[in-house]
Amino acid sequence: MSTPAGLRERKKEATREALHDAAMRLAIEHGLDQVTVEAIADAAGVSRRTFSNYFAGKEDALLYGDEQRMVELLEGFAARPAGESSWAALRAAYHDRYEKNGEPDPRWAAQARLARNHPSVLGRQLAHYATFERRLAELIRERDGLPESSRRPRVMATAFLNALRVAALAWTEEQPPRPLRAIVDEHLDEMARPFS
């Protein structure tokens, strides 16, 4: 039987998802500049005040799915076996997440295009990535038992997340389209090769 707290959390998550879905749909249909917070709240069937309880603005609502994918990736990395190298664990965590969720919704490609074309969305997205990069670097540092002064965790986290970002961008532009996983693997393979 569900506890009241568990039910409350599921309802909150459902509201976040509804707001995110409404933001995505409206931004794709009308363009982000034409979408208001009020329109998103109306489309999700909640009040403007309820929207504000979940998101600071339409950009955050739009990027919520991206943020959740990153959270899943970090959790997956943290759960990988200790014997794996950090780079192997990062790749395995990505593959595990891909296997669980499958090929991304095509709206994700539309979201990436929106981010590229709207400085307000791109700015928020880059801020989210910087936060996740710091978290991932700390997980790598702990996993590898490195001192806080080590640069390797930050460089590896940055390299990995940027390879994912560039691969996602390539995925949105490739014609004919190919599976995201194949494109990500190509980018991660290239990132793992020495530059000198």
N, C-alpha and C. Protein backbone atom coordinates (compact mmCIF):
# COMPACT_ATOMS: atom_id res chain seq x y z
N MET A 1 0.84 -1.18 0.00
CA MET A 1 0.00 0.00 0.00
C MET A 1 0.89 1.25 0.00
N SER A 2 0.50 2.24 -0.77
CA SER A 2 1.29 3.47 -0.89
C SER A 2 1.16 4.31 0.36
N THR A 3 2.27 4.92 0.74
CA THR A 3 2.24 5.86 1.86
C THR A 3 1.77 7.20 1.32
N PRO A 4 1.20 8.06 2.18
CA PRO A 4 0.81 9.38 1.71
C PRO A 4 1.96 10.18 1.12
N ALA A 5 3.16 10.04 1.73
CA ALA A 5 4.32 10.77 1.21
C ALA A 5 4.68 10.26 -0.18
N GLY A 6 4.63 8.95 -0.40
CA GLY A 6 4.93 8.38 -1.72
C GLY A 6 3.94 8.82 -2.77
N LEU A 7 2.67 8.84 -2.40
CA LEU A 7 1.63 9.30 -3.32
C LEU A 7 1.81 10.78 -3.64
N ARG A 8 2.13 11.56 -2.64
CA ARG A 8 2.35 13.00 -2.84
C ARG A 8 3.52 13.24 -3.80
N GLU A 9 4.61 12.47 -3.63
CA GLU A 9 5.77 12.62 -4.52
C GLU A 9 5.42 12.23 -5.95
N ARG A 10 4.63 11.17 -6.11
CA ARG A 10 4.22 10.77 -7.46
C ARG A 10 3.34 11.83 -8.11
N LYS A 11 2.48 12.45 -7.33
CA LYS A 11 1.63 13.53 -7.86
C LYS A 11 2.48 14.73 -8.27
N LYS A 12 3.47 15.06 -7.45
CA LYS A 12 4.36 16.17 -7.79
C LYS A 12 5.11 15.88 -9.08
N GLU A 13 5.62 14.67 -9.20
CA GLU A 13 6.35 14.30 -10.42
C GLU A 13 5.42 14.34 -11.63
N ALA A 14 4.19 13.88 -11.46
CA ALA A 14 3.23 13.93 -12.57
C ALA A 14 2.96 15.38 -12.99
N THR A 15 2.88 16.28 -12.03
CA THR A 15 2.68 17.70 -12.35
C THR A 15 3.89 18.26 -13.09
N ARG A 16 5.10 17.94 -12.62
CA ARG A 16 6.32 18.38 -13.32
C ARG A 16 6.33 17.89 -14.76
N GLU A 17 6.00 16.62 -14.94
CA GLU A 17 5.97 16.03 -16.28
C GLU A 17 4.92 16.70 -17.15
N ALA A 18 3.76 16.97 -16.58
CA ALA A 18 2.69 17.63 -17.35
C ALA A 18 3.12 19.03 -17.78
N LEU A 19 3.77 19.76 -16.90
CA LEU A 19 4.25 21.09 -17.24
C LEU A 19 5.35 21.03 -18.30
N HIS A 20 6.26 20.07 -18.14
CA HIS A 20 7.32 19.90 -19.12
C HIS A 20 6.73 19.55 -20.49
N ASP A 21 5.81 18.60 -20.52
CA ASP A 21 5.18 18.19 -21.78
C ASP A 21 4.46 19.36 -22.44
N ALA A 22 3.75 20.14 -21.64
CA ALA A 22 3.03 21.31 -22.18
C ALA A 22 4.01 22.34 -22.73
N ALA A 23 5.10 22.58 -22.01
CA ALA A 23 6.11 23.53 -22.48
C ALA A 23 6.72 23.07 -23.80
N MET A 24 7.05 21.78 -23.88
CA MET A 24 7.62 21.24 -25.12
C MET A 24 6.64 21.39 -26.27
N ARG A 25 5.41 20.94 -26.06
CA ARG A 25 4.42 20.97 -27.14
C ARG A 25 4.16 22.38 -27.63
N LEU A 26 3.94 23.30 -26.69
CA LEU A 26 3.65 24.69 -27.08
C LEU A 26 4.84 25.36 -27.76
N ALA A 27 6.05 25.09 -27.26
CA ALA A 27 7.23 25.70 -27.86
C ALA A 27 7.44 25.18 -29.28
N ILE A 28 7.20 23.90 -29.49
CA ILE A 28 7.35 23.33 -30.83
C ILE A 28 6.27 23.85 -31.76
N GLU A 29 5.02 23.95 -31.27
CA GLU A 29 3.92 24.41 -32.10
C GLU A 29 3.96 25.89 -32.43
N HIS A 30 4.35 26.71 -31.45
CA HIS A 30 4.21 28.16 -31.61
C HIS A 30 5.53 28.93 -31.59
N GLY A 31 6.61 28.25 -31.24
CA GLY A 31 7.88 28.95 -31.04
C GLY A 31 7.96 29.46 -29.61
N LEU A 32 9.13 29.37 -29.03
CA LEU A 32 9.29 29.69 -27.61
C LEU A 32 8.93 31.14 -27.29
N ASP A 33 9.23 32.04 -28.19
CA ASP A 33 8.94 33.46 -27.93
C ASP A 33 7.45 33.73 -27.78
N GLN A 34 6.63 32.89 -28.38
CA GLN A 34 5.17 33.09 -28.32
C GLN A 34 4.52 32.38 -27.14
N VAL A 35 5.30 31.63 -26.38
CA VAL A 35 4.76 30.83 -25.27
C VAL A 35 4.96 31.57 -23.96
N THR A 36 3.89 31.62 -23.17
CA THR A 36 3.96 32.25 -21.85
C THR A 36 3.84 31.19 -20.76
N VAL A 37 4.26 31.55 -19.59
CA VAL A 37 4.09 30.67 -18.44
C VAL A 37 2.62 30.37 -18.22
N GLU A 38 1.77 31.37 -18.40
CA GLU A 38 0.32 31.18 -18.23
C GLU A 38 -0.21 30.14 -19.21
N ALA A 39 0.26 30.20 -20.46
CA ALA A 39 -0.20 29.23 -21.47
C ALA A 39 0.25 27.82 -21.10
N ILE A 40 1.46 27.69 -20.59
CA ILE A 40 1.95 26.37 -20.18
C ILE A 40 1.11 25.85 -19.02
N ALA A 41 0.87 26.69 -18.03
CA ALA A 41 0.06 26.28 -16.88
C ALA A 41 -1.34 25.88 -17.33
N ASP A 42 -1.96 26.68 -18.20
CA ASP A 42 -3.30 26.35 -18.70
C ASP A 42 -3.30 25.01 -19.43
N ALA A 43 -2.30 24.79 -20.28
CA ALA A 43 -2.24 23.54 -21.05
C ALA A 43 -2.04 22.33 -20.14
N ALA A 44 -1.38 22.53 -19.01
CA ALA A 44 -1.15 21.44 -18.06
C ALA A 44 -2.29 21.30 -17.05
N GLY A 45 -3.23 22.25 -17.09
CA GLY A 45 -4.38 22.19 -16.18
C GLY A 45 -4.06 22.58 -14.76
N VAL A 46 -3.09 23.51 -14.60
CA VAL A 46 -2.75 23.99 -13.26
C VAL A 46 -2.73 25.51 -13.26
N SER A 47 -2.62 26.09 -12.08
CA SER A 47 -2.59 27.55 -11.97
C SER A 47 -1.18 28.08 -12.22
N ARG A 48 -1.10 29.37 -12.46
CA ARG A 48 0.20 30.04 -12.63
C ARG A 48 1.03 29.88 -11.35
N ARG A 49 0.38 29.95 -10.23
CA ARG A 49 1.08 29.79 -8.95
C ARG A 49 1.66 28.39 -8.81
N THR A 50 0.89 27.39 -9.24
CA THR A 50 1.39 26.01 -9.19
C THR A 50 2.61 25.88 -10.08
N PHE A 51 2.55 26.47 -11.29
CA PHE A 51 3.72 26.45 -12.16
C PHE A 51 4.94 26.98 -11.41
N SER A 52 4.78 28.10 -10.73
CA SER A 52 5.90 28.74 -10.02
C SER A 52 6.43 27.89 -8.87
N ASN A 53 5.60 26.99 -8.35
CA ASN A 53 6.07 26.07 -7.30
C ASN A 53 7.04 25.02 -7.84
N TYR A 54 6.99 24.80 -9.16
CA TYR A 54 7.81 23.76 -9.77
C TYR A 54 8.97 24.29 -10.61
N PHE A 55 8.75 25.40 -11.28
CA PHE A 55 9.77 25.92 -12.20
C PHE A 55 9.89 27.43 -12.07
N ALA A 56 11.11 27.93 -12.27
CA ALA A 56 11.36 29.38 -12.19
C ALA A 56 10.89 30.09 -13.45
N GLY A 57 10.82 29.38 -14.56
CA GLY A 57 10.40 30.01 -15.82
C GLY A 57 10.17 28.96 -16.88
N LYS A 58 9.74 29.41 -18.05
CA LYS A 58 9.42 28.47 -19.13
C LYS A 58 10.65 27.71 -19.60
N GLU A 59 11.82 28.33 -19.52
CA GLU A 59 13.04 27.64 -19.92
C GLU A 59 13.30 26.41 -19.05
N ASP A 60 13.10 26.57 -17.74
CA ASP A 60 13.31 25.43 -16.82
C ASP A 60 12.29 24.33 -17.09
N ALA A 61 11.06 24.70 -17.38
CA ALA A 61 10.04 23.69 -17.69
C ALA A 61 10.41 22.95 -18.97
N LEU A 62 10.89 23.68 -19.93
CA LEU A 62 11.28 23.09 -21.21
C LEU A 62 12.45 22.12 -21.03
N LEU A 63 13.40 22.44 -20.17
CA LEU A 63 14.62 21.65 -20.00
C LEU A 63 14.50 20.54 -18.95
N TYR A 64 13.34 20.39 -18.34
CA TYR A 64 13.19 19.42 -17.26
C TYR A 64 13.55 18.00 -17.70
N GLY A 65 13.12 17.58 -18.88
CA GLY A 65 13.44 16.24 -19.35
C GLY A 65 14.93 16.02 -19.50
N ASP A 66 15.62 17.03 -20.02
CA ASP A 66 17.07 16.99 -20.17
C ASP A 66 17.73 16.83 -18.79
N GLU A 67 17.23 17.59 -17.83
CA GLU A 67 17.76 17.51 -16.47
C GLU A 67 17.56 16.11 -15.88
N GLN A 68 16.40 15.53 -16.10
CA GLN A 68 16.12 14.20 -15.57
C GLN A 68 17.03 13.15 -16.20
N ARG A 69 17.30 13.28 -17.50
CA ARG A 69 18.22 12.34 -18.16
C ARG A 69 19.61 12.42 -17.53
N MET A 70 20.04 13.62 -17.19
CA MET A 70 21.36 13.78 -16.58
C MET A 70 21.38 13.18 -15.17
N VAL A 71 20.31 13.38 -14.42
CA VAL A 71 20.22 12.79 -13.07
C VAL A 71 20.32 11.27 -13.17
N GLU A 72 19.57 10.67 -14.10
CA GLU A 72 19.62 9.22 -14.29
C GLU A 72 21.03 8.76 -14.65
N LEU A 73 21.70 9.52 -15.50
CA LEU A 73 23.06 9.16 -15.90
C LEU A 73 24.01 9.18 -14.70
N LEU A 74 23.94 10.20 -13.88
CA LEU A 74 24.80 10.28 -12.70
C LEU A 74 24.50 9.16 -11.72
N GLU A 75 23.23 8.88 -11.51
CA GLU A 75 22.86 7.78 -10.61
C GLU A 75 23.36 6.45 -11.16
N GLY A 76 23.24 6.27 -12.47
CA GLY A 76 23.72 5.04 -13.10
C GLY A 76 25.22 4.88 -12.96
N PHE A 77 25.96 5.98 -13.13
CA PHE A 77 27.42 5.95 -12.97
C PHE A 77 27.79 5.58 -11.54
N ALA A 78 27.13 6.20 -10.58
CA ALA A 78 27.43 5.93 -9.17
C ALA A 78 27.16 4.47 -8.80
N ALA A 79 26.23 3.82 -9.51
CA ALA A 79 25.86 2.44 -9.20
C ALA A 79 26.72 1.40 -9.92
N ARG A 80 27.60 1.82 -10.80
CA ARG A 80 28.42 0.87 -11.56
C ARG A 80 29.42 0.16 -10.63
N PRO A 81 29.84 -1.07 -11.00
CA PRO A 81 30.79 -1.82 -10.17
C PRO A 81 32.11 -1.07 -9.97
N ALA A 82 32.67 -1.19 -8.79
CA ALA A 82 33.89 -0.47 -8.43
C ALA A 82 35.09 -0.88 -9.28
N GLY A 83 35.11 -2.07 -9.84
CA GLY A 83 36.25 -2.54 -10.61
C GLY A 83 36.39 -1.91 -11.99
N GLU A 84 35.34 -1.25 -12.47
CA GLU A 84 35.41 -0.63 -13.80
C GLU A 84 36.20 0.68 -13.73
N SER A 85 36.90 0.99 -14.79
CA SER A 85 37.52 2.31 -14.85
C SER A 85 36.39 3.34 -14.94
N SER A 86 36.69 4.56 -14.57
CA SER A 86 35.65 5.59 -14.62
C SER A 86 35.12 5.79 -16.02
N TRP A 87 36.00 5.79 -17.03
CA TRP A 87 35.54 5.99 -18.41
C TRP A 87 34.62 4.85 -18.84
N ALA A 88 35.00 3.60 -18.52
CA ALA A 88 34.16 2.45 -18.85
C ALA A 88 32.82 2.53 -18.11
N ALA A 89 32.86 2.95 -16.86
CA ALA A 89 31.63 3.07 -16.07
C ALA A 89 30.72 4.16 -16.64
N LEU A 90 31.31 5.26 -17.11
CA LEU A 90 30.51 6.33 -17.72
C LEU A 90 29.81 5.80 -18.98
N ARG A 91 30.56 5.11 -19.81
CA ARG A 91 29.97 4.58 -21.04
C ARG A 91 28.89 3.54 -20.73
N ALA A 92 29.17 2.68 -19.76
CA ALA A 92 28.19 1.66 -19.39
C ALA A 92 26.93 2.30 -18.80
N ALA A 93 27.10 3.35 -18.01
CA ALA A 93 25.94 4.04 -17.44
C ALA A 93 25.09 4.66 -18.56
N TYR A 94 25.75 5.23 -19.56
CA TYR A 94 25.01 5.77 -20.71
C TYR A 94 24.25 4.64 -21.42
N HIS A 95 24.93 3.51 -21.69
CA HIS A 95 24.29 2.40 -22.39
C HIS A 95 23.13 1.83 -21.58
N ASP A 96 23.32 1.72 -20.27
CA ASP A 96 22.23 1.22 -19.41
C ASP A 96 21.00 2.12 -19.51
N ARG A 97 21.23 3.44 -19.46
CA ARG A 97 20.13 4.38 -19.55
C ARG A 97 19.45 4.29 -20.91
N TYR A 98 20.25 4.14 -21.96
CA TYR A 98 19.70 4.03 -23.30
C TYR A 98 18.85 2.76 -23.43
N GLU A 99 19.36 1.64 -22.89
CA GLU A 99 18.62 0.38 -22.95
C GLU A 99 17.29 0.50 -22.20
N LYS A 100 17.31 1.18 -21.07
CA LYS A 100 16.11 1.35 -20.26
C LYS A 100 15.08 2.24 -20.96
N ASN A 101 15.54 3.34 -21.55
CA ASN A 101 14.62 4.34 -22.10
C ASN A 101 14.42 4.26 -23.61
N GLY A 102 15.32 3.57 -24.31
CA GLY A 102 15.21 3.46 -25.76
C GLY A 102 15.60 4.76 -26.47
N GLU A 103 15.33 4.78 -27.76
CA GLU A 103 15.63 5.96 -28.58
C GLU A 103 14.83 7.15 -28.05
N PRO A 104 15.48 8.31 -27.93
CA PRO A 104 14.78 9.48 -27.39
C PRO A 104 13.58 9.88 -28.24
N ASP A 105 12.64 10.48 -27.57
CA ASP A 105 11.47 11.07 -28.22
C ASP A 105 11.97 12.10 -29.24
N PRO A 106 11.43 12.11 -30.45
CA PRO A 106 11.86 13.11 -31.43
C PRO A 106 11.71 14.55 -30.94
N ARG A 107 10.84 14.77 -29.95
CA ARG A 107 10.70 16.13 -29.40
C ARG A 107 12.00 16.59 -28.75
N TRP A 108 12.83 15.62 -28.32
CA TRP A 108 14.10 15.98 -27.73
C TRP A 108 14.98 16.68 -28.76
N ALA A 109 14.91 16.22 -30.01
CA ALA A 109 15.67 16.89 -31.08
C ALA A 109 15.14 18.31 -31.26
N ALA A 110 13.82 18.46 -31.20
CA ALA A 110 13.23 19.80 -31.31
C ALA A 110 13.68 20.68 -30.14
N GLN A 111 13.77 20.10 -28.96
CA GLN A 111 14.24 20.85 -27.79
C GLN A 111 15.67 21.31 -27.99
N ALA A 112 16.51 20.45 -28.54
CA ALA A 112 17.91 20.81 -28.79
C ALA A 112 17.99 21.97 -29.78
N ARG A 113 17.15 21.93 -30.80
CA ARG A 113 17.14 23.02 -31.77
C ARG A 113 16.66 24.32 -31.12
N LEU A 114 15.65 24.21 -30.25
CA LEU A 114 15.17 25.39 -29.53
C LEU A 114 16.29 25.99 -28.68
N ALA A 115 17.04 25.13 -28.01
CA ALA A 115 18.13 25.62 -27.15
C ALA A 115 19.17 26.35 -27.98
N ARG A 116 19.49 25.79 -29.13
CA ARG A 116 20.48 26.43 -29.99
C ARG A 116 20.03 27.79 -30.49
N ASN A 117 18.74 27.95 -30.69
CA ASN A 117 18.22 29.17 -31.30
C ASN A 117 17.73 30.22 -30.31
N HIS A 118 17.68 29.89 -29.03
CA HIS A 118 17.19 30.83 -28.02
C HIS A 118 18.22 31.00 -26.92
N PRO A 119 18.84 32.15 -26.84
CA PRO A 119 19.87 32.36 -25.82
C PRO A 119 19.39 32.09 -24.39
N SER A 120 18.11 32.39 -24.10
CA SER A 120 17.64 32.17 -22.73
C SER A 120 17.61 30.68 -22.38
N VAL A 121 17.25 29.84 -23.34
CA VAL A 121 17.23 28.40 -23.11
C VAL A 121 18.66 27.87 -23.07
N LEU A 122 19.47 28.30 -24.01
CA LEU A 122 20.86 27.85 -24.06
C LEU A 122 21.59 28.22 -22.77
N GLY A 123 21.36 29.42 -22.26
CA GLY A 123 21.98 29.84 -21.01
C GLY A 123 21.59 28.95 -19.85
N ARG A 124 20.31 28.63 -19.75
CA ARG A 124 19.85 27.75 -18.66
C ARG A 124 20.42 26.35 -18.84
N GLN A 125 20.46 25.87 -20.09
CA GLN A 125 20.98 24.54 -20.35
C GLN A 125 22.46 24.46 -19.98
N LEU A 126 23.23 25.47 -20.33
CA LEU A 126 24.65 25.47 -19.98
C LEU A 126 24.86 25.54 -18.47
N ALA A 127 24.00 26.27 -17.77
CA ALA A 127 24.08 26.32 -16.31
C ALA A 127 23.79 24.94 -15.71
N HIS A 128 22.79 24.24 -16.25
CA HIS A 128 22.49 22.88 -15.77
C HIS A 128 23.67 21.96 -16.02
N TYR A 129 24.26 22.04 -17.23
CA TYR A 129 25.40 21.19 -17.55
C TYR A 129 26.57 21.46 -16.61
N ALA A 130 26.81 22.72 -16.28
CA ALA A 130 27.92 23.05 -15.37
C ALA A 130 27.70 22.42 -14.00
N THR A 131 26.46 22.44 -13.53
CA THR A 131 26.13 21.81 -12.25
C THR A 131 26.38 20.30 -12.31
N PHE A 132 25.89 19.66 -13.37
CA PHE A 132 26.08 18.21 -13.50
C PHE A 132 27.55 17.86 -13.71
N GLU A 133 28.28 18.71 -14.39
CA GLU A 133 29.72 18.47 -14.58
C GLU A 133 30.44 18.45 -13.23
N ARG A 134 30.11 19.39 -12.36
CA ARG A 134 30.73 19.41 -11.02
C ARG A 134 30.36 18.15 -10.23
N ARG A 135 29.09 17.76 -10.28
CA ARG A 135 28.66 16.56 -9.56
C ARG A 135 29.37 15.32 -10.10
N LEU A 136 29.44 15.22 -11.42
CA LEU A 136 30.08 14.06 -12.03
C LEU A 136 31.57 14.03 -11.70
N ALA A 137 32.24 15.17 -11.73
CA ALA A 137 33.66 15.23 -11.39
C ALA A 137 33.88 14.74 -9.97
N GLU A 138 33.01 15.11 -9.06
CA GLU A 138 33.14 14.65 -7.67
C GLU A 138 32.95 13.13 -7.57
N LEU A 139 31.98 12.59 -8.31
CA LEU A 139 31.78 11.14 -8.32
C LEU A 139 33.00 10.42 -8.88
N ILE A 140 33.59 10.96 -9.94
CA ILE A 140 34.79 10.36 -10.53
C ILE A 140 35.94 10.43 -9.53
N ARG A 141 36.10 11.57 -8.89
CA ARG A 141 37.18 11.73 -7.90
C ARG A 141 37.06 10.70 -6.79
N GLU A 142 35.83 10.54 -6.28
CA GLU A 142 35.60 9.57 -5.20
C GLU A 142 35.84 8.14 -5.69
N ARG A 143 35.33 7.82 -6.87
CA ARG A 143 35.47 6.48 -7.43
C ARG A 143 36.94 6.12 -7.61
N ASP A 144 37.73 7.07 -8.12
CA ASP A 144 39.14 6.80 -8.40
C ASP A 144 40.06 7.07 -7.22
N GLY A 145 39.50 7.54 -6.11
CA GLY A 145 40.31 7.80 -4.92
C GLY A 145 41.36 8.88 -5.14
N LEU A 146 41.00 9.90 -5.88
CA LEU A 146 41.95 10.97 -6.20
C LEU A 146 41.83 12.12 -5.21
N PRO A 147 42.91 12.86 -5.00
CA PRO A 147 42.83 14.02 -4.09
C PRO A 147 41.98 15.13 -4.71
N GLU A 148 41.49 16.01 -3.86
CA GLU A 148 40.66 17.11 -4.33
C GLU A 148 41.38 18.02 -5.31
N SER A 149 42.70 18.05 -5.23
CA SER A 149 43.49 18.91 -6.12
C SER A 149 43.65 18.33 -7.53
N SER A 150 43.26 17.07 -7.72
CA SER A 150 43.44 16.43 -9.02
C SER A 150 42.54 17.07 -10.09
N ARG A 151 43.11 17.30 -11.25
CA ARG A 151 42.36 17.88 -12.36
C ARG A 151 41.66 16.81 -13.20
N ARG A 152 42.13 15.59 -13.11
CA ARG A 152 41.61 14.51 -13.95
C ARG A 152 40.09 14.34 -13.86
N PRO A 153 39.48 14.32 -12.68
CA PRO A 153 38.03 14.14 -12.63
C PRO A 153 37.26 15.21 -13.39
N ARG A 154 37.68 16.48 -13.24
CA ARG A 154 36.97 17.56 -13.92
C ARG A 154 37.15 17.48 -15.44
N VAL A 155 38.37 17.14 -15.86
CA VAL A 155 38.62 17.01 -17.29
C VAL A 155 37.81 15.85 -17.87
N MET A 156 37.78 14.71 -17.16
CA MET A 156 37.03 13.56 -17.66
C MET A 156 35.53 13.87 -17.70
N ALA A 157 35.00 14.47 -16.65
CA ALA A 157 33.58 14.82 -16.63
C ALA A 157 33.23 15.77 -17.77
N THR A 158 34.08 16.77 -17.97
CA THR A 158 33.84 17.74 -19.04
C THR A 158 33.91 17.06 -20.40
N ALA A 159 34.92 16.22 -20.61
CA ALA A 159 35.07 15.53 -21.88
C ALA A 159 33.86 14.64 -22.17
N PHE A 160 33.44 13.88 -21.17
CA PHE A 160 32.32 12.96 -21.36
C PHE A 160 31.03 13.72 -21.67
N LEU A 161 30.71 14.70 -20.85
CA LEU A 161 29.45 15.42 -21.05
C LEU A 161 29.46 16.23 -22.35
N ASN A 162 30.60 16.78 -22.72
CA ASN A 162 30.66 17.50 -23.98
C ASN A 162 30.56 16.56 -25.17
N ALA A 163 31.13 15.36 -25.06
CA ALA A 163 30.96 14.38 -26.13
C ALA A 163 29.48 14.03 -26.29
N LEU A 164 28.77 13.87 -25.18
CA LEU A 164 27.32 13.61 -25.26
C LEU A 164 26.58 14.78 -25.90
N ARG A 165 26.95 16.00 -25.50
CA ARG A 165 26.28 17.19 -26.04
C ARG A 165 26.51 17.32 -27.54
N VAL A 166 27.75 17.14 -27.98
CA VAL A 166 28.06 17.26 -29.40
C VAL A 166 27.40 16.13 -30.19
N ALA A 167 27.37 14.94 -29.62
CA ALA A 167 26.70 13.82 -30.28
C ALA A 167 25.20 14.09 -30.42
N ALA A 168 24.59 14.64 -29.38
CA ALA A 168 23.16 14.95 -29.45
C ALA A 168 22.89 16.00 -30.52
N LEU A 169 23.78 16.96 -30.63
CA LEU A 169 23.64 17.99 -31.67
C LEU A 169 23.74 17.34 -33.05
N ALA A 170 24.72 16.46 -33.25
CA ALA A 170 24.86 15.76 -34.52
C ALA A 170 23.61 14.94 -34.82
N TRP A 171 23.05 14.30 -33.80
CA TRP A 171 21.84 13.48 -33.97
C TRP A 171 20.68 14.32 -34.47
N THR A 172 20.56 15.54 -33.98
CA THR A 172 19.43 16.39 -34.40
C THR A 172 19.59 16.84 -35.85
N GLU A 173 20.83 16.80 -36.37
CA GLU A 173 21.08 17.33 -37.71
C GLU A 173 21.27 16.26 -38.77
N GLU A 174 21.55 15.01 -38.37
CA GLU A 174 21.86 13.97 -39.36
C GLU A 174 20.67 13.62 -40.22
N GLN A 175 20.94 13.51 -41.52
CA GLN A 175 19.95 13.06 -42.49
C GLN A 175 20.62 12.05 -43.42
N PRO A 176 20.10 10.86 -43.56
CA PRO A 176 18.95 10.34 -42.82
C PRO A 176 19.32 10.09 -41.37
N PRO A 177 18.33 10.13 -40.50
CA PRO A 177 18.62 9.96 -39.07
C PRO A 177 19.15 8.56 -38.75
N ARG A 178 20.02 8.52 -37.75
CA ARG A 178 20.54 7.26 -37.22
C ARG A 178 20.25 7.19 -35.74
N PRO A 179 20.35 6.01 -35.13
CA PRO A 179 20.12 5.91 -33.69
C PRO A 179 21.11 6.76 -32.91
N LEU A 180 20.63 7.42 -31.88
CA LEU A 180 21.47 8.27 -31.04
C LEU A 180 22.63 7.47 -30.44
N ARG A 181 22.36 6.25 -30.01
CA ARG A 181 23.42 5.46 -29.36
C ARG A 181 24.63 5.30 -30.27
N ALA A 182 24.41 5.03 -31.56
CA ALA A 182 25.52 4.86 -32.49
C ALA A 182 26.34 6.15 -32.61
N ILE A 183 25.65 7.26 -32.66
CA ILE A 183 26.33 8.56 -32.79
C ILE A 183 27.10 8.87 -31.51
N VAL A 184 26.50 8.60 -30.35
CA VAL A 184 27.19 8.83 -29.07
C VAL A 184 28.44 7.97 -28.99
N ASP A 185 28.33 6.68 -29.36
CA ASP A 185 29.50 5.80 -29.30
C ASP A 185 30.63 6.30 -30.19
N GLU A 186 30.28 6.79 -31.37
CA GLU A 186 31.32 7.34 -32.26
C GLU A 186 32.02 8.52 -31.60
N HIS A 187 31.25 9.39 -30.98
CA HIS A 187 31.84 10.57 -30.33
C HIS A 187 32.67 10.19 -29.10
N LEU A 188 32.20 9.22 -28.33
CA LEU A 188 32.97 8.79 -27.16
C LEU A 188 34.25 8.07 -27.58
N ASP A 189 34.18 7.29 -28.66
CA ASP A 189 35.39 6.66 -29.18
C ASP A 189 36.41 7.72 -29.57
N GLU A 190 35.94 8.74 -30.25
CA GLU A 190 36.85 9.81 -30.69
C GLU A 190 37.42 10.56 -29.49
N MET A 191 36.59 10.81 -28.48
CA MET A 191 37.05 11.52 -27.29
C MET A 191 38.10 10.71 -26.54
N ALA A 192 38.00 9.38 -26.59
CA ALA A 192 38.95 8.52 -25.86
C ALA A 192 40.29 8.39 -26.56
N ARG A 193 40.37 8.80 -27.83
CA ARG A 193 41.65 8.74 -28.55
C ARG A 193 42.52 9.92 -28.16
N PRO A 194 43.85 9.69 -28.08
CA PRO A 194 44.73 10.82 -27.74
C PRO A 194 44.76 11.84 -28.88
N PHE A 195 44.91 13.10 -28.52
CA PHE A 195 44.98 14.18 -29.49
C PHE A 195 46.40 14.45 -29.98
N SER A 196 47.38 13.89 -29.31
CA SER A 196 48.76 14.16 -29.73
C SER A 196 49.50 12.89 -30.05
